[in-house]
Amino acid sequence: MTVTKDMIMGDILQTDKAETIAEILMAEGMHCVGCPSSIMESLEDACAVHGIDVDSVLAKINAAVA
């Protein structure tokens, strides 16, 4: 599985790697993982809202789920 920055948060968080991904997002300061509105945003949009570098988060996620 490869996560991309245009993937919808809700879709990412319903995969078999959701727990691992959620832990990474929480560690990066995205504590809204369970927020109903955040699940409709892309990973890139969610990172932008929180002022987080999407490429850095994406690299961590993909390394963890590889």
PDB file of N, CA and C in Angstrom:
ATOM      1  N   MET A   1       0.836  -1.179   0.000  1.00  0.00           N
ATOM      2  CA  MET A   1       0.000   0.000   0.000  1.00  0.00           C
ATOM      3  C   MET A   1       0.883   1.245   0.000  1.00  0.00           C
ATOM      4  N   THR A   2       0.553   2.193  -0.830  1.00  0.00           N
ATOM      5  CA  THR A   2       1.238   3.477  -0.862  1.00  0.00           C
ATOM      6  C   THR A   2       0.210   4.574  -0.654  1.00  0.00           C
ATOM      7  N   VAL A   3       0.488   5.440   0.291  1.00  0.00           N
ATOM      8  CA  VAL A   3      -0.387   6.569   0.574  1.00  0.00           C
ATOM      9  C   VAL A   3       0.113   7.759  -0.229  1.00  0.00           C
ATOM     10  N   THR A   4      -0.808   8.521  -0.815  1.00  0.00           N
ATOM     11  CA  THR A   4      -0.456   9.725  -1.560  1.00  0.00           C
ATOM     12  C   THR A   4      -1.113  10.927  -0.891  1.00  0.00           C
ATOM     13  N   LYS A   5      -0.573  12.105  -1.164  1.00  0.00           N
ATOM     14  CA  LYS A   5      -1.088  13.290  -0.490  1.00  0.00           C
ATOM     15  C   LYS A   5      -2.482  13.690  -0.939  1.00  0.00           C
ATOM     16  N   ASP A   6      -2.937  13.188  -2.069  1.00  0.00           N
ATOM     17  CA  ASP A   6      -4.289  13.523  -2.513  1.00  0.00           C
ATOM     18  C   ASP A   6      -5.345  12.528  -2.019  1.00  0.00           C
ATOM     19  N   MET A   7      -4.921  11.522  -1.271  1.00  0.00           N
ATOM     20  CA  MET A   7      -5.877  10.553  -0.726  1.00  0.00           C
ATOM     21  C   MET A   7      -6.707  11.211   0.373  1.00  0.00           C
ATOM     22  N   ILE A   8      -7.968  10.809   0.464  1.00  0.00           N
ATOM     23  CA  ILE A   8      -8.899  11.348   1.455  1.00  0.00           C
ATOM     24  C   ILE A   8      -8.595  10.706   2.813  1.00  0.00           C
ATOM     25  N   MET A   9      -8.556  11.541   3.841  1.00  0.00           N
ATOM     26  CA  MET A   9      -8.236  11.069   5.187  1.00  0.00           C
ATOM     27  C   MET A   9      -9.146   9.912   5.615  1.00  0.00           C
ATOM     28  N   GLY A  10     -10.429  10.024   5.337  1.00  0.00           N
ATOM     29  CA  GLY A  10     -11.357   8.965   5.718  1.00  0.00           C
ATOM     30  C   GLY A  10     -10.998   7.637   5.083  1.00  0.00           C
ATOM     31  N   ASP A  11     -10.547   7.675   3.828  1.00  0.00           N
ATOM     32  CA  ASP A  11     -10.145   6.445   3.135  1.00  0.00           C
ATOM     33  C   ASP A  11      -8.856   5.879   3.734  1.00  0.00           C
ATOM     34  N   ILE A  12      -7.926   6.764   4.030  1.00  0.00           N
ATOM     35  CA  ILE A  12      -6.651   6.338   4.619  1.00  0.00           C
ATOM     36  C   ILE A  12      -6.892   5.663   5.963  1.00  0.00           C
ATOM     37  N   LEU A  13      -7.811   6.239   6.737  1.00  0.00           N
ATOM     38  CA  LEU A  13      -8.053   5.754   8.089  1.00  0.00           C
ATOM     39  C   LEU A  13      -9.019   4.575   8.149  1.00  0.00           C
ATOM     40  N   GLN A  14      -9.369   4.036   6.995  1.00  0.00           N
ATOM     41  CA  GLN A  14     -10.180   2.822   6.962  1.00  0.00           C
ATOM     42  C   GLN A  14      -9.410   1.648   6.377  1.00  0.00           C
ATOM     43  N   THR A  15      -8.129   1.833   6.160  1.00  0.00           N
ATOM     44  CA  THR A  15      -7.305   0.744   5.640  1.00  0.00           C
ATOM     45  C   THR A  15      -6.872  -0.165   6.782  1.00  0.00           C
ATOM     46  N   ASP A  16      -6.250  -1.261   6.434  1.00  0.00           N
ATOM     47  CA  ASP A  16      -5.754  -2.175   7.469  1.00  0.00           C
ATOM     48  C   ASP A  16      -4.538  -1.601   8.208  1.00  0.00           C
ATOM     49  N   LYS A  17      -4.030  -0.472   7.751  1.00  0.00           N
ATOM     50  CA  LYS A  17      -2.889   0.196   8.396  1.00  0.00           C
ATOM     51  C   LYS A  17      -3.336   1.447   9.163  1.00  0.00           C
ATOM     52  N   ALA A  18      -4.628   1.587   9.389  1.00  0.00           N
ATOM     53  CA  ALA A  18      -5.184   2.796   9.998  1.00  0.00           C
ATOM     54  C   ALA A  18      -4.572   3.116  11.357  1.00  0.00           C
ATOM     55  N   GLU A  19      -4.380   2.118  12.190  1.00  0.00           N
ATOM     56  CA  GLU A  19      -3.848   2.378  13.530  1.00  0.00           C
ATOM     57  C   GLU A  19      -2.434   2.957  13.451  1.00  0.00           C
ATOM     58  N   THR A  20      -1.613   2.386  12.609  1.00  0.00           N
ATOM     59  CA  THR A  20      -0.244   2.871  12.429  1.00  0.00           C
ATOM     60  C   THR A  20      -0.250   4.293  11.886  1.00  0.00           C
ATOM     61  N   ILE A  21      -1.083   4.536  10.892  1.00  0.00           N
ATOM     62  CA  ILE A  21      -1.159   5.864  10.275  1.00  0.00           C
ATOM     63  C   ILE A  21      -1.671   6.885  11.281  1.00  0.00           C
ATOM     64  N   ALA A  22      -2.697   6.536  12.036  1.00  0.00           N
ATOM     65  CA  ALA A  22      -3.246   7.449  13.037  1.00  0.00           C
ATOM     66  C   ALA A  22      -2.199   7.817  14.083  1.00  0.00           C
ATOM     67  N   GLU A  23      -1.398   6.855  14.488  1.00  0.00           N
ATOM     68  CA  GLU A  23      -0.337   7.127  15.467  1.00  0.00           C
ATOM     69  C   GLU A  23       0.666   8.136  14.911  1.00  0.00           C
ATOM     70  N   ILE A  24       1.013   7.999  13.649  1.00  0.00           N
ATOM     71  CA  ILE A  24       1.950   8.934  13.022  1.00  0.00           C
ATOM     72  C   ILE A  24       1.327  10.319  12.945  1.00  0.00           C
ATOM     73  N   LEU A  25       0.083  10.390  12.502  1.00  0.00           N
ATOM     74  CA  LEU A  25      -0.590  11.685  12.391  1.00  0.00           C
ATOM     75  C   LEU A  25      -0.690  12.369  13.749  1.00  0.00           C
ATOM     76  N   MET A  26      -1.041  11.626  14.777  1.00  0.00           N
ATOM     77  CA  MET A  26      -1.140  12.186  16.127  1.00  0.00           C
ATOM     78  C   MET A  26       0.232  12.685  16.599  1.00  0.00           C
ATOM     79  N   ALA A  27       1.272  11.928  16.333  1.00  0.00           N
ATOM     80  CA  ALA A  27       2.622  12.325  16.740  1.00  0.00           C
ATOM     81  C   ALA A  27       3.073  13.600  16.029  1.00  0.00           C
ATOM     82  N   GLU A  28       2.535  13.820  14.839  1.00  0.00           N
ATOM     83  CA  GLU A  28       2.875  15.014  14.060  1.00  0.00           C
ATOM     84  C   GLU A  28       2.040  16.226  14.455  1.00  0.00           C
ATOM     85  N   GLY A  29       1.097  16.042  15.387  1.00  0.00           N
ATOM     86  CA  GLY A  29       0.281  17.164  15.846  1.00  0.00           C
ATOM     87  C   GLY A  29      -1.102  17.234  15.246  1.00  0.00           C
ATOM     88  N   MET A  30      -1.485  16.214  14.512  1.00  0.00           N
ATOM     89  CA  MET A  30      -2.818  16.180  13.910  1.00  0.00           C
ATOM     90  C   MET A  30      -3.743  15.383  14.831  1.00  0.00           C
ATOM     91  N   HIS A  31      -4.212  16.068  15.869  1.00  0.00           N
ATOM     92  CA  HIS A  31      -5.033  15.409  16.876  1.00  0.00           C
ATOM     93  C   HIS A  31      -6.507  15.345  16.490  1.00  0.00           C
ATOM     94  N   CYS A  32      -6.822  15.715  15.275  1.00  0.00           N
ATOM     95  CA  CYS A  32      -8.208  15.711  14.814  1.00  0.00           C
ATOM     96  C   CYS A  32      -8.501  14.477  13.961  1.00  0.00           C
ATOM     97  N   VAL A  33      -7.745  13.446  14.124  1.00  0.00           N
ATOM     98  CA  VAL A  33      -7.872  12.242  13.293  1.00  0.00           C
ATOM     99  C   VAL A  33      -9.302  11.714  13.280  1.00  0.00           C
ATOM    100  N   GLY A  34      -9.991  11.797  14.383  1.00  0.00           N
ATOM    101  CA  GLY A  34     -11.359  11.293  14.453  1.00  0.00           C
ATOM    102  C   GLY A  34     -12.428  12.327  14.163  1.00  0.00           C
ATOM    103  N   CYS A  35     -12.024  13.536  13.858  1.00  0.00           N
ATOM    104  CA  CYS A  35     -12.977  14.617  13.597  1.00  0.00           C
ATOM    105  C   CYS A  35     -13.762  14.332  12.314  1.00  0.00           C
ATOM    106  N   PRO A  36     -15.080  14.414  12.377  1.00  0.00           N
ATOM    107  CA  PRO A  36     -15.895  14.106  11.184  1.00  0.00           C
ATOM    108  C   PRO A  36     -15.552  14.944   9.959  1.00  0.00           C
ATOM    109  N   SER A  37     -15.222  16.215  10.138  1.00  0.00           N
ATOM    110  CA  SER A  37     -14.912  17.031   8.962  1.00  0.00           C
ATOM    111  C   SER A  37     -13.545  16.709   8.376  1.00  0.00           C
ATOM    112  N   SER A  38     -12.618  16.260   9.218  1.00  0.00           N
ATOM    113  CA  SER A  38     -11.278  15.977   8.702  1.00  0.00           C
ATOM    114  C   SER A  38     -11.249  14.747   7.810  1.00  0.00           C
ATOM    115  N   ILE A  39     -12.181  13.835   7.998  1.00  0.00           N
ATOM    116  CA  ILE A  39     -12.150  12.612   7.200  1.00  0.00           C
ATOM    117  C   ILE A  39     -12.536  12.848   5.742  1.00  0.00           C
ATOM    118  N   MET A  40     -13.034  14.055   5.432  1.00  0.00           N
ATOM    119  CA  MET A  40     -13.414  14.367   4.057  1.00  0.00           C
ATOM    120  C   MET A  40     -12.339  15.174   3.333  1.00  0.00           C
ATOM    121  N   GLU A  41     -11.250  15.484   4.033  1.00  0.00           N
ATOM    122  CA  GLU A  41     -10.148  16.255   3.454  1.00  0.00           C
ATOM    123  C   GLU A  41      -9.075  15.320   2.918  1.00  0.00           C
ATOM    124  N   SER A  42      -8.305  15.835   1.984  1.00  0.00           N
ATOM    125  CA  SER A  42      -7.135  15.074   1.544  1.00  0.00           C
ATOM    126  C   SER A  42      -6.059  15.193   2.622  1.00  0.00           C
ATOM    127  N   LEU A  43      -5.103  14.297   2.588  1.00  0.00           N
ATOM    128  CA  LEU A  43      -3.985  14.365   3.525  1.00  0.00           C
ATOM    129  C   LEU A  43      -3.274  15.707   3.373  1.00  0.00           C
ATOM    130  N   GLU A  44      -3.115  16.143   2.149  1.00  0.00           N
ATOM    131  CA  GLU A  44      -2.440  17.418   1.894  1.00  0.00           C
ATOM    132  C   GLU A  44      -3.206  18.585   2.517  1.00  0.00           C
ATOM    133  N   ASP A  45      -4.525  18.603   2.359  1.00  0.00           N
ATOM    134  CA  ASP A  45      -5.338  19.671   2.936  1.00  0.00           C
ATOM    135  C   ASP A  45      -5.288  19.641   4.461  1.00  0.00           C
ATOM    136  N   ALA A  46      -5.361  18.455   5.042  1.00  0.00           N
ATOM    137  CA  ALA A  46      -5.318  18.327   6.492  1.00  0.00           C
ATOM    138  C   ALA A  46      -3.983  18.809   7.041  1.00  0.00           C
ATOM    139  N   CYS A  47      -2.909  18.474   6.364  1.00  0.00           N
ATOM    140  CA  CYS A  47      -1.591  18.944   6.802  1.00  0.00           C
ATOM    141  C   CYS A  47      -1.492  20.459   6.686  1.00  0.00           C
ATOM    142  N   ALA A  48      -2.023  21.011   5.611  1.00  0.00           N
ATOM    143  CA  ALA A  48      -1.973  22.462   5.408  1.00  0.00           C
ATOM    144  C   ALA A  48      -2.711  23.196   6.529  1.00  0.00           C
ATOM    145  N   VAL A  49      -3.864  22.684   6.932  1.00  0.00           N
ATOM    146  CA  VAL A  49      -4.645  23.302   7.999  1.00  0.00           C
ATOM    147  C   VAL A  49      -3.842  23.367   9.294  1.00  0.00           C
ATOM    148  N   HIS A  50      -3.012  22.348   9.514  1.00  0.00           N
ATOM    149  CA  HIS A  50      -2.230  22.268  10.742  1.00  0.00           C
ATOM    150  C   HIS A  50      -0.813  22.818  10.597  1.00  0.00           C
ATOM    151  N   GLY A  51      -0.474  23.318   9.410  1.00  0.00           N
ATOM    152  CA  GLY A  51       0.859  23.878   9.194  1.00  0.00           C
ATOM    153  C   GLY A  51       1.953  22.828   9.232  1.00  0.00           C
ATOM    154  N   ILE A  52       1.613  21.624   8.763  1.00  0.00           N
ATOM    155  CA  ILE A  52       2.544  20.498   8.795  1.00  0.00           C
ATOM    156  C   ILE A  52       2.983  20.180   7.369  1.00  0.00           C
ATOM    157  N   ASP A  53       4.257  19.877   7.193  1.00  0.00           N
ATOM    158  CA  ASP A  53       4.800  19.534   5.881  1.00  0.00           C
ATOM    159  C   ASP A  53       4.281  18.176   5.431  1.00  0.00           C
ATOM    160  N   VAL A  54       3.464  18.164   4.399  1.00  0.00           N
ATOM    161  CA  VAL A  54       2.836  16.934   3.928  1.00  0.00           C
ATOM    162  C   VAL A  54       3.862  15.917   3.441  1.00  0.00           C
ATOM    163  N   ASP A  55       4.929  16.380   2.818  1.00  0.00           N
ATOM    164  CA  ASP A  55       5.921  15.447   2.285  1.00  0.00           C
ATOM    165  C   ASP A  55       6.630  14.691   3.405  1.00  0.00           C
ATOM    166  N   SER A  56       6.888  15.373   4.505  1.00  0.00           N
ATOM    167  CA  SER A  56       7.519  14.734   5.655  1.00  0.00           C
ATOM    168  C   SER A  56       6.596  13.680   6.266  1.00  0.00           C
ATOM    169  N   VAL A  57       5.332  14.046   6.448  1.00  0.00           N
ATOM    170  CA  VAL A  57       4.350  13.111   7.011  1.00  0.00           C
ATOM    171  C   VAL A  57       4.162  11.925   6.079  1.00  0.00           C
ATOM    172  N   LEU A  58       4.070  12.196   4.807  1.00  0.00           N
ATOM    173  CA  LEU A  58       3.878  11.154   3.805  1.00  0.00           C
ATOM    174  C   LEU A  58       5.043  10.165   3.808  1.00  0.00           C
ATOM    175  N   ALA A  59       6.245  10.658   3.932  1.00  0.00           N
ATOM    176  CA  ALA A  59       7.418   9.789   3.971  1.00  0.00           C
ATOM    177  C   ALA A  59       7.363   8.869   5.201  1.00  0.00           C
ATOM    178  N   LYS A  60       6.982   9.430   6.338  1.00  0.00           N
ATOM    179  CA  LYS A  60       6.883   8.625   7.566  1.00  0.00           C
ATOM    180  C   LYS A  60       5.796   7.566   7.446  1.00  0.00           C
ATOM    181  N   ILE A  61       4.658   7.960   6.891  1.00  0.00           N
ATOM    182  CA  ILE A  61       3.558   7.006   6.733  1.00  0.00           C
ATOM    183  C   ILE A  61       3.964   5.869   5.806  1.00  0.00           C
ATOM    184  N   ASN A  62       4.488   6.213   4.653  1.00  0.00           N
ATOM    185  CA  ASN A  62       4.822   5.180   3.672  1.00  0.00           C
ATOM    186  C   ASN A  62       5.964   4.274   4.142  1.00  0.00           C
ATOM    187  N   ALA A  63       6.878   4.820   4.920  1.00  0.00           N
ATOM    188  CA  ALA A  63       7.945   3.974   5.489  1.00  0.00           C
ATOM    189  C   ALA A  63       7.347   2.995   6.484  1.00  0.00           C
ATOM    190  N   ALA A  64       6.357   3.439   7.238  1.00  0.00           N
ATOM    191  CA  ALA A  64       5.759   2.588   8.270  1.00  0.00           C
ATOM    192  C   ALA A  64       4.832   1.511   7.712  1.00  0.00           C
ATOM    193  N   VAL A  65       4.199   1.793   6.578  1.00  0.00           N
ATOM    194  CA  VAL A  65       3.227   0.831   6.035  1.00  0.00           C
ATOM    195  C   VAL A  65       3.801  -0.031   4.918  1.00  0.00           C
ATOM    196  N   ALA A  66       5.043   0.205   4.573  1.00  0.00           N
ATOM    197  CA  ALA A  66       5.671  -0.551   3.475  1.00  0.00           C
ATOM    198  C   ALA A  66       5.840  -2.017   3.830  1.00  0.00           C
TER     199      ALA A  66
END
